[in-house]
Amino acid sequence: MNGLAYKPFAAEVVQRLRSLYARQATDRVFATFEIPSAALAEFAARYAHGFCGYPDPADRARFWDRFLAERAPLEDDSMPSAYLSEMDQGLYGGLLGGEVQFMAHPENGWISSMVAPLLADWSEFDRLRFDRAHPWFARYLNQLGIFASVAEGKFGVSHFILIDGLNFAFELVGATNTYMSLVEHPDMIRRTIEFAYQLNVEIQETFFAHVPPFDGGTFSNMVQWIPGRIVSESVDPFHMTSVAYFEEWGREPVERIFARFDGGVLHLHGNGRHLLEAVSTVRGLKAVFLGDDKGFPPAFEVLASLRSRAGDLPLVVQIGFDRFVSALRQGRLPGGVLYRVQSAPDAATVNRVMEEVRAYRVG
C-alpha cells in the first residue's frame, strides 16, 4: 500500500476501517472530525448559496487539495478524498440531453448538479440513447482525469452517488409522475429500471477504470474508505413510501447493482428511518449513513434504537463535538458506529480525543 501525504497514518486507519466494515468491531467506536478550514472560508467568500455555472474542474481539484491538506495533521478515522459533486446527479440526465443546473453549497464546498425532467411523458422514452461520445461524458472523463492527477500520492477520489431505479425515473418524468406510474404504467417503470442499471454500470465502471484503488478499497464520502469496488446507492424515493413498496420496487435493483460490484453503501434521511430493518437485510450492503433532517430527531438522539434495529450493520451518524466528547467519557456511545463529529476546535484537540476513541470499548 502506498502512503498518502495528507494521511501519514493511512495504514492504521485502513486497518481500523477494515475491521468496522467486516462487522468485527461492534464493541468499538470510530470517529472523524470537522475542524475550521481556510479553504472552506475562501470558497464561501467566492460562492453564495444558489445557482452557478459549471466550474473549472482544475480549480475544483485545487480546492480539494487545499481543503484536504489542512486536515493532514488529524489522527482521526477520516481518509482524505475529493468528491465529484458536480457529477452528483446531473451527469446521468445530462448524458441523455437534459439541461444540467449547478448549485453552490458554501457550507461544505460542493457545487452540485441536477436536471429538470427529461421527458414530457412516457411516449418519449424510446428516444433515450446513451452515447459515450456525448459532451457530458467527455466532461466526466476530463474531470475524473484532473482529480486523479492532482490527488496522486496525496489523497483519494471518492465514489459518487448512483442514480438508478426510481431515482432515475425521477430524472425522466419527475417524482409525482413516477409514483403514479408505479400503479398506472408499471411496465415503463420496469423498462426505466433496466435502462438505469445499464447506464449506471457504464458510469461506475468508468470511475473504477480511471480512479486507482487504495489498498484494494474505495474512498467514500459516506464511509471514508471501504474494501473492494464499492458503489454508493440512494433509496430516497422510498422514504415517502411504505416498506412494501421498497420490497416490490427497490430491493431487487439495489441488490443487482451491488452484486455487479463488490457491494455498496447507502444513506437514509430522517424520513426514511422506517426502512432501516428492510435495507439492513439487502444483500451486499456494507454500511448505512443516517442523515439528520429538519422535522426529525437527530440520529444520535435515537441511536440506541437505530443500533438495535440494524443488527450488526455498521452505521454512520453525525454529532456535535461537545456532545460526542461527553458521551465518550460517560461510556454512552454504541459500538460499530462511525461518528462524524462536527465543529471540533483544532487538530491538536482532536488528536487527544482520538486516544480515548481508540481505547473505548462498549460495556
Protein backbone atom coordinates (compact mmCIF):
# COMPACT_ATOMS: atom_id res chain seq x y z
CA MET A 1 0.00 0.00 0.00
CA ASN A 2 1.41 3.38 -0.99
CA GLY A 3 1.15 6.16 1.54
CA LEU A 4 -0.83 9.39 1.38
CA ALA A 5 0.80 12.74 2.02
CA TYR A 6 -2.42 14.03 3.57
CA LYS A 7 -2.87 10.97 5.84
CA PRO A 8 0.50 9.88 7.19
CA PHE A 9 -1.14 7.13 9.28
CA ALA A 10 -3.34 5.80 6.47
CA ALA A 11 -2.28 2.18 7.07
CA GLU A 12 -3.52 2.26 10.66
CA VAL A 13 -6.79 3.92 9.67
CA VAL A 14 -7.40 1.41 6.88
CA GLN A 15 -6.85 -1.42 9.35
CA ARG A 16 -9.41 0.06 11.74
CA LEU A 17 -11.97 0.71 9.00
CA ARG A 18 -11.45 -2.75 7.57
CA SER A 19 -12.47 -4.25 10.93
CA LEU A 20 -15.53 -2.00 11.12
CA TYR A 21 -16.90 -2.94 7.70
CA ALA A 22 -16.11 -6.61 8.30
CA ARG A 23 -18.50 -6.32 11.28
CA GLN A 24 -15.69 -7.26 13.66
CA ALA A 25 -15.77 -4.08 15.73
CA THR A 26 -19.21 -3.98 17.34
CA ASP A 27 -17.60 -3.17 20.71
CA ARG A 28 -15.53 -0.26 19.34
CA VAL A 29 -16.22 3.25 18.05
CA PHE A 30 -14.73 5.25 15.21
CA ALA A 31 -14.68 8.98 14.59
CA THR A 32 -13.93 11.66 12.01
CA PHE A 33 -13.79 15.34 12.91
CA GLU A 34 -14.53 18.65 11.22
CA ILE A 35 -12.08 21.44 12.03
CA PRO A 36 -12.01 25.10 10.91
CA SER A 37 -10.95 25.40 7.28
CA ALA A 38 -9.42 28.32 5.43
CA ALA A 39 -10.23 26.61 2.12
CA LEU A 40 -13.93 26.44 3.02
CA ALA A 41 -13.90 30.05 4.15
CA GLU A 42 -12.37 31.07 0.83
CA PHE A 43 -14.97 29.04 -1.07
CA ALA A 44 -17.80 30.67 0.90
CA ALA A 45 -16.38 34.10 0.09
CA ARG A 46 -16.48 33.25 -3.63
CA TYR A 47 -19.82 31.45 -3.82
CA ALA A 48 -23.16 32.35 -2.29
CA HIS A 49 -25.65 29.53 -1.82
CA GLY A 50 -27.55 29.16 -5.06
CA PHE A 51 -27.28 28.52 -8.77
CA CYS A 52 -23.98 28.92 -10.57
CA GLY A 53 -22.23 27.74 -13.70
CA TYR A 54 -20.13 24.62 -14.25
CA PRO A 55 -16.80 25.43 -12.60
CA ASP A 56 -13.33 24.87 -13.96
CA PRO A 57 -12.51 21.29 -12.85
CA ALA A 58 -8.85 22.24 -12.30
CA ASP A 59 -9.99 24.95 -9.90
CA ARG A 60 -12.20 22.43 -8.11
CA ALA A 61 -9.30 20.00 -7.80
CA ARG A 62 -7.19 22.79 -6.29
CA PHE A 63 -9.95 23.45 -3.75
CA TRP A 64 -9.92 19.83 -2.63
CA ASP A 65 -6.13 19.87 -2.50
CA ARG A 66 -6.12 22.89 -0.16
CA PHE A 67 -9.00 21.59 1.95
CA LEU A 68 -7.55 18.12 2.46
CA ALA A 69 -4.03 19.44 3.08
CA GLU A 70 -5.41 21.32 6.09
CA ARG A 71 -6.61 18.01 7.51
CA ALA A 72 -3.27 16.22 7.24
CA PRO A 73 -2.43 16.67 10.97
CA LEU A 74 -5.62 14.85 12.04
CA GLU A 75 -5.10 11.42 13.58
CA ASP A 76 -8.79 10.51 13.32
CA ASP A 77 -10.51 7.80 11.25
CA SER A 78 -11.02 10.00 8.22
CA MET A 79 -9.47 9.20 4.86
CA PRO A 80 -8.87 12.23 2.63
CA SER A 81 -10.81 12.21 -0.63
CA ALA A 82 -12.27 14.65 -3.13
CA TYR A 83 -15.91 14.30 -4.14
CA LEU A 84 -17.15 14.76 -7.71
CA SER A 85 -20.09 16.84 -6.54
CA GLU A 86 -20.51 18.35 -10.00
CA MET A 87 -21.45 14.87 -11.24
CA ASP A 88 -23.58 14.06 -8.20
CA GLN A 89 -26.89 13.89 -10.06
CA GLY A 90 -26.73 15.97 -13.22
CA LEU A 91 -24.33 13.66 -15.03
CA TYR A 92 -26.97 10.98 -15.53
CA GLY A 93 -29.63 13.20 -17.06
CA GLY A 94 -27.05 15.35 -18.81
CA LEU A 95 -25.79 12.32 -20.74
CA LEU A 96 -29.29 11.90 -22.17
CA GLY A 97 -29.78 15.51 -23.24
CA GLY A 98 -31.08 17.06 -20.04
CA GLU A 99 -30.34 20.66 -19.10
CA VAL A 100 -27.97 20.49 -16.13
CA GLN A 101 -28.10 23.14 -13.41
CA PHE A 102 -25.41 23.66 -10.80
CA MET A 103 -25.75 24.92 -7.26
CA ALA A 104 -23.06 26.07 -4.83
CA HIS A 105 -23.08 24.93 -1.20
CA PRO A 106 -20.75 27.16 0.83
CA GLU A 107 -21.15 25.03 3.97
CA ASN A 108 -19.27 22.06 2.51
CA GLY A 109 -17.52 23.34 -0.61
CA TRP A 110 -19.74 21.44 -3.01
CA ILE A 111 -21.08 22.51 -6.39
CA SER A 112 -23.86 20.01 -7.01
CA SER A 113 -25.93 19.34 -10.12
CA MET A 114 -29.45 18.37 -11.08
CA VAL A 115 -31.66 18.25 -14.18
CA ALA A 116 -35.31 19.03 -14.79
CA PRO A 117 -37.38 16.03 -16.01
CA LEU A 118 -36.23 14.97 -19.46
CA LEU A 119 -39.49 13.58 -20.87
CA ALA A 120 -42.89 15.18 -21.33
CA ASP A 121 -44.41 11.73 -20.87
CA TRP A 122 -43.57 8.04 -21.31
CA SER A 123 -44.23 8.16 -25.04
CA GLU A 124 -40.80 9.80 -25.42
CA PHE A 125 -38.92 7.04 -23.59
CA ASP A 126 -37.76 5.23 -26.74
CA ARG A 127 -35.72 8.24 -27.86
CA LEU A 128 -33.31 7.79 -24.95
CA ARG A 129 -29.83 6.72 -26.02
CA PHE A 130 -26.55 6.58 -24.12
CA ASP A 131 -23.60 7.64 -26.29
CA ARG A 132 -20.04 7.65 -24.95
CA ALA A 133 -19.31 10.42 -27.48
CA HIS A 134 -21.72 12.77 -25.70
CA PRO A 135 -20.11 16.04 -24.50
CA TRP A 136 -21.15 15.27 -20.93
CA PHE A 137 -19.22 12.00 -20.99
CA ALA A 138 -16.15 13.89 -22.19
CA ARG A 139 -16.66 16.34 -19.34
CA TYR A 140 -16.90 13.44 -16.90
CA LEU A 141 -13.70 11.83 -18.19
CA ASN A 142 -11.89 15.16 -18.10
CA GLN A 143 -12.83 15.87 -14.50
CA LEU A 144 -12.00 12.32 -13.43
CA GLY A 145 -8.58 12.64 -15.01
CA ILE A 146 -7.85 16.02 -13.44
CA PHE A 147 -8.95 14.91 -9.98
CA ALA A 148 -6.97 11.66 -10.14
CA SER A 149 -3.85 13.51 -11.31
CA VAL A 150 -3.99 16.19 -8.62
CA ALA A 151 -4.82 13.62 -5.93
CA GLU A 152 -2.00 11.21 -6.76
CA GLY A 153 0.07 10.41 -3.68
CA LYS A 154 -1.81 12.93 -1.53
CA PHE A 155 -5.50 11.97 -1.28
CA GLY A 156 -8.14 9.86 -2.97
CA VAL A 157 -11.19 10.40 -5.18
CA SER A 158 -14.47 9.28 -3.63
CA HIS A 159 -17.08 7.21 -5.39
CA PHE A 160 -20.25 9.22 -6.08
CA ILE A 161 -23.94 8.54 -5.92
CA LEU A 162 -25.82 6.16 -8.20
CA ILE A 163 -28.93 7.50 -9.87
CA ASP A 164 -30.74 4.28 -10.69
CA GLY A 165 -34.11 2.66 -10.02
CA LEU A 166 -36.83 5.14 -9.12
CA ASN A 167 -34.24 7.88 -8.72
CA PHE A 168 -33.66 7.61 -12.45
CA ALA A 169 -37.40 7.64 -13.13
CA PHE A 170 -37.48 10.95 -11.23
CA GLU A 171 -34.89 12.26 -13.73
CA LEU A 172 -37.14 11.26 -16.62
CA VAL A 173 -40.67 12.25 -15.60
CA GLY A 174 -40.44 13.82 -12.13
CA ALA A 175 -41.34 12.46 -8.72
CA THR A 176 -45.13 12.73 -8.84
CA ASN A 177 -45.39 11.02 -12.22
CA THR A 178 -43.00 8.31 -11.05
CA TYR A 179 -45.16 7.44 -8.05
CA MET A 180 -48.31 7.47 -10.20
CA SER A 181 -46.60 5.27 -12.79
CA LEU A 182 -45.97 2.54 -10.23
CA VAL A 183 -49.72 1.93 -10.50
CA GLU A 184 -50.61 3.27 -13.93
CA HIS A 185 -47.52 2.35 -16.01
CA PRO A 186 -45.59 -0.36 -14.14
CA ASP A 187 -44.10 -1.71 -17.39
CA MET A 188 -42.49 1.68 -18.07
CA ILE A 189 -41.03 1.71 -14.59
CA ARG A 190 -39.54 -1.74 -15.24
CA ARG A 191 -38.05 -0.54 -18.53
CA THR A 192 -36.67 2.52 -16.76
CA ILE A 193 -35.06 0.42 -14.04
CA GLU A 194 -33.34 -1.73 -16.68
CA PHE A 195 -32.13 1.29 -18.66
CA ALA A 196 -30.86 2.89 -15.47
CA TYR A 197 -28.96 -0.24 -14.48
CA GLN A 198 -27.07 -0.32 -17.76
CA LEU A 199 -26.31 3.42 -17.62
CA ASN A 200 -25.11 3.30 -14.02
CA VAL A 201 -22.86 0.32 -14.73
CA GLU A 202 -21.23 2.26 -17.59
CA ILE A 203 -20.65 5.30 -15.38
CA GLN A 204 -19.35 3.39 -12.37
CA GLU A 205 -17.13 1.06 -14.38
CA THR A 206 -15.62 4.16 -15.96
CA PHE A 207 -14.99 5.58 -12.50
CA PHE A 208 -13.16 2.48 -11.30
CA ALA A 209 -11.17 2.29 -14.56
CA HIS A 210 -9.83 5.82 -14.05
CA VAL A 211 -9.52 6.04 -10.26
CA PRO A 212 -6.97 3.63 -8.79
CA PRO A 213 -7.96 1.65 -5.68
CA PHE A 214 -6.18 2.28 -2.40
CA ASP A 215 -5.09 -0.89 -0.62
CA GLY A 216 -7.76 -2.73 -2.59
CA GLY A 217 -10.53 -0.40 -1.46
CA THR A 218 -12.70 2.57 -2.40
CA PHE A 219 -12.58 6.08 -0.97
CA SER A 220 -16.02 7.19 0.16
CA ASN A 221 -17.61 10.46 1.23
CA MET A 222 -20.10 8.29 3.13
CA VAL A 223 -17.83 5.83 4.96
CA GLN A 224 -14.26 7.17 4.37
CA TRP A 225 -12.69 4.01 2.90
CA ILE A 226 -14.02 0.51 2.42
CA PRO A 227 -12.55 -2.71 0.92
CA GLY A 228 -13.45 -3.61 -2.65
CA ARG A 229 -15.06 -1.76 -5.55
CA ILE A 230 -17.98 -0.30 -3.61
CA VAL A 231 -20.79 1.84 -5.02
CA SER A 232 -22.87 4.49 -3.25
CA GLU A 233 -26.62 3.89 -3.53
CA SER A 234 -29.69 6.03 -2.83
CA VAL A 235 -33.14 4.78 -1.84
CA ASP A 236 -34.52 8.30 -1.37
CA PRO A 237 -37.72 7.71 -3.41
CA PHE A 238 -38.83 5.08 -0.88
CA HIS A 239 -38.51 7.48 2.04
CA MET A 240 -42.05 8.58 1.19
CA THR A 241 -43.43 5.10 0.59
CA SER A 242 -44.21 2.06 2.68
CA VAL A 243 -41.69 -0.69 3.24
CA ALA A 244 -43.84 -2.85 0.95
CA TYR A 245 -43.13 -0.52 -1.97
CA PHE A 246 -39.40 -0.80 -1.28
CA GLU A 247 -39.66 -4.57 -1.26
CA GLU A 248 -41.58 -4.57 -4.56
CA TRP A 249 -39.64 -1.90 -6.46
CA GLY A 250 -36.41 -1.16 -4.62
CA ARG A 251 -34.73 -4.24 -3.22
CA GLU A 252 -34.00 -6.12 -6.44
CA PRO A 253 -32.41 -3.18 -8.34
CA VAL A 254 -30.22 -2.34 -5.33
CA GLU A 255 -29.12 -5.94 -4.82
CA ARG A 256 -28.46 -6.33 -8.55
CA ILE A 257 -26.04 -3.43 -8.82
CA PHE A 258 -24.38 -4.30 -5.52
CA ALA A 259 -23.74 -7.77 -6.93
CA ARG A 260 -22.28 -6.22 -10.11
CA PHE A 261 -19.57 -4.64 -7.98
CA ASP A 262 -18.30 -5.67 -4.53
CA GLY A 263 -21.29 -4.33 -2.64
CA GLY A 264 -22.42 -0.87 -1.69
CA VAL A 265 -23.28 1.66 0.95
CA LEU A 266 -26.38 3.80 1.20
CA HIS A 267 -27.86 6.64 3.21
CA LEU A 268 -31.19 7.18 4.92
CA HIS A 269 -32.64 10.61 5.62
CA GLY A 270 -34.72 11.32 8.69
CA ASN A 271 -37.98 10.47 6.89
CA GLY A 272 -36.56 7.16 5.70
CA ARG A 273 -35.71 5.52 9.00
CA HIS A 274 -38.76 3.27 8.76
CA LEU A 275 -36.81 1.45 6.04
CA LEU A 276 -33.90 0.57 8.32
CA GLU A 277 -34.82 -3.04 9.05
CA ALA A 278 -35.54 -3.73 5.38
CA VAL A 279 -32.39 -2.16 3.98
CA SER A 280 -30.27 -3.81 6.67
CA THR A 281 -31.03 -7.15 5.03
CA VAL A 282 -30.12 -6.04 1.49
CA ARG A 283 -27.52 -8.43 0.07
CA GLY A 284 -24.19 -6.70 -0.44
CA LEU A 285 -24.88 -3.74 1.84
CA LYS A 286 -21.79 -2.77 3.84
CA ALA A 287 -22.91 0.27 5.86
CA VAL A 288 -25.64 2.92 6.22
CA PHE A 289 -25.17 6.65 6.77
CA LEU A 290 -28.05 8.02 8.87
CA GLY A 291 -28.69 11.65 7.95
CA ASP A 292 -30.24 14.37 10.07
CA ASP A 293 -33.12 16.34 8.61
CA LYS A 294 -35.46 19.06 9.82
CA GLY A 295 -38.57 17.71 11.50
CA PHE A 296 -36.93 14.54 12.79
CA PRO A 297 -34.79 13.89 15.86
CA PRO A 298 -31.06 13.75 15.11
CA ALA A 299 -29.95 10.18 14.55
CA PHE A 300 -27.65 10.35 17.57
CA GLU A 301 -30.59 11.11 19.87
CA VAL A 302 -32.27 7.83 18.89
CA LEU A 303 -29.12 5.89 18.12
CA ALA A 304 -29.65 3.16 20.71
CA SER A 305 -32.91 2.22 18.97
CA LEU A 306 -31.43 2.53 15.47
CA ARG A 307 -28.44 0.44 16.51
CA SER A 308 -30.64 -2.39 17.78
CA ARG A 309 -32.87 -2.29 14.69
CA ALA A 310 -29.88 -2.54 12.33
CA GLY A 311 -28.29 -5.59 13.95
CA ASP A 312 -24.52 -5.58 13.45
CA LEU A 313 -24.64 -3.44 10.28
CA PRO A 314 -22.06 -0.61 10.54
CA LEU A 315 -23.71 2.79 10.92
CA VAL A 316 -22.52 6.36 10.35
CA VAL A 317 -24.06 9.26 12.28
CA GLN A 318 -23.36 12.95 12.86
CA ILE A 319 -22.87 14.59 16.26
CA GLY A 320 -21.54 17.87 17.65
CA PHE A 321 -18.10 17.88 19.26
CA ASP A 322 -19.15 18.66 22.84
CA ARG A 323 -21.91 16.04 22.88
CA PHE A 324 -19.58 13.45 21.42
CA VAL A 325 -16.85 14.01 23.97
CA SER A 326 -19.36 13.95 26.83
CA ALA A 327 -20.91 10.66 25.65
CA LEU A 328 -17.47 9.19 25.01
CA ARG A 329 -16.28 9.92 28.53
CA GLN A 330 -19.52 8.70 30.08
CA GLY A 331 -19.36 5.41 28.14
CA ARG A 332 -22.65 6.08 26.32
CA LEU A 333 -21.57 5.54 22.71
CA PRO A 334 -23.00 2.47 20.93
CA GLY A 335 -20.36 0.45 19.11
CA GLY A 336 -19.98 -0.49 15.48
CA VAL A 337 -20.57 3.16 14.60
CA LEU A 338 -18.52 5.76 12.75
CA TYR A 339 -19.25 9.13 14.35
CA ARG A 340 -18.88 12.19 12.13
CA VAL A 341 -18.07 14.82 14.71
CA GLN A 342 -18.84 18.42 13.82
CA SER A 343 -17.24 21.68 14.96
CA ALA A 344 -14.10 20.43 16.65
CA PRO A 345 -11.81 23.31 17.69
CA ASP A 346 -8.49 22.21 16.20
CA ALA A 347 -6.33 19.24 15.22
CA ALA A 348 -4.42 19.07 18.50
CA THR A 349 -7.65 18.72 20.48
CA VAL A 350 -8.93 16.09 18.04
CA ASN A 351 -5.77 14.02 18.38
CA ARG A 352 -6.05 13.98 22.17
CA VAL A 353 -9.69 12.87 21.94
CA MET A 354 -8.75 10.17 19.43
CA GLU A 355 -6.59 8.50 22.07
CA GLU A 356 -9.81 7.98 24.05
CA VAL A 357 -11.70 6.88 20.94
CA ARG A 358 -9.18 4.15 20.15
CA ALA A 359 -9.21 2.93 23.75
CA TYR A 360 -13.02 2.93 24.08
CA ARG A 361 -14.84 -0.36 24.44
CA VAL A 362 -18.60 -0.88 24.76
CA GLY A 363 -19.70 -2.32 28.09
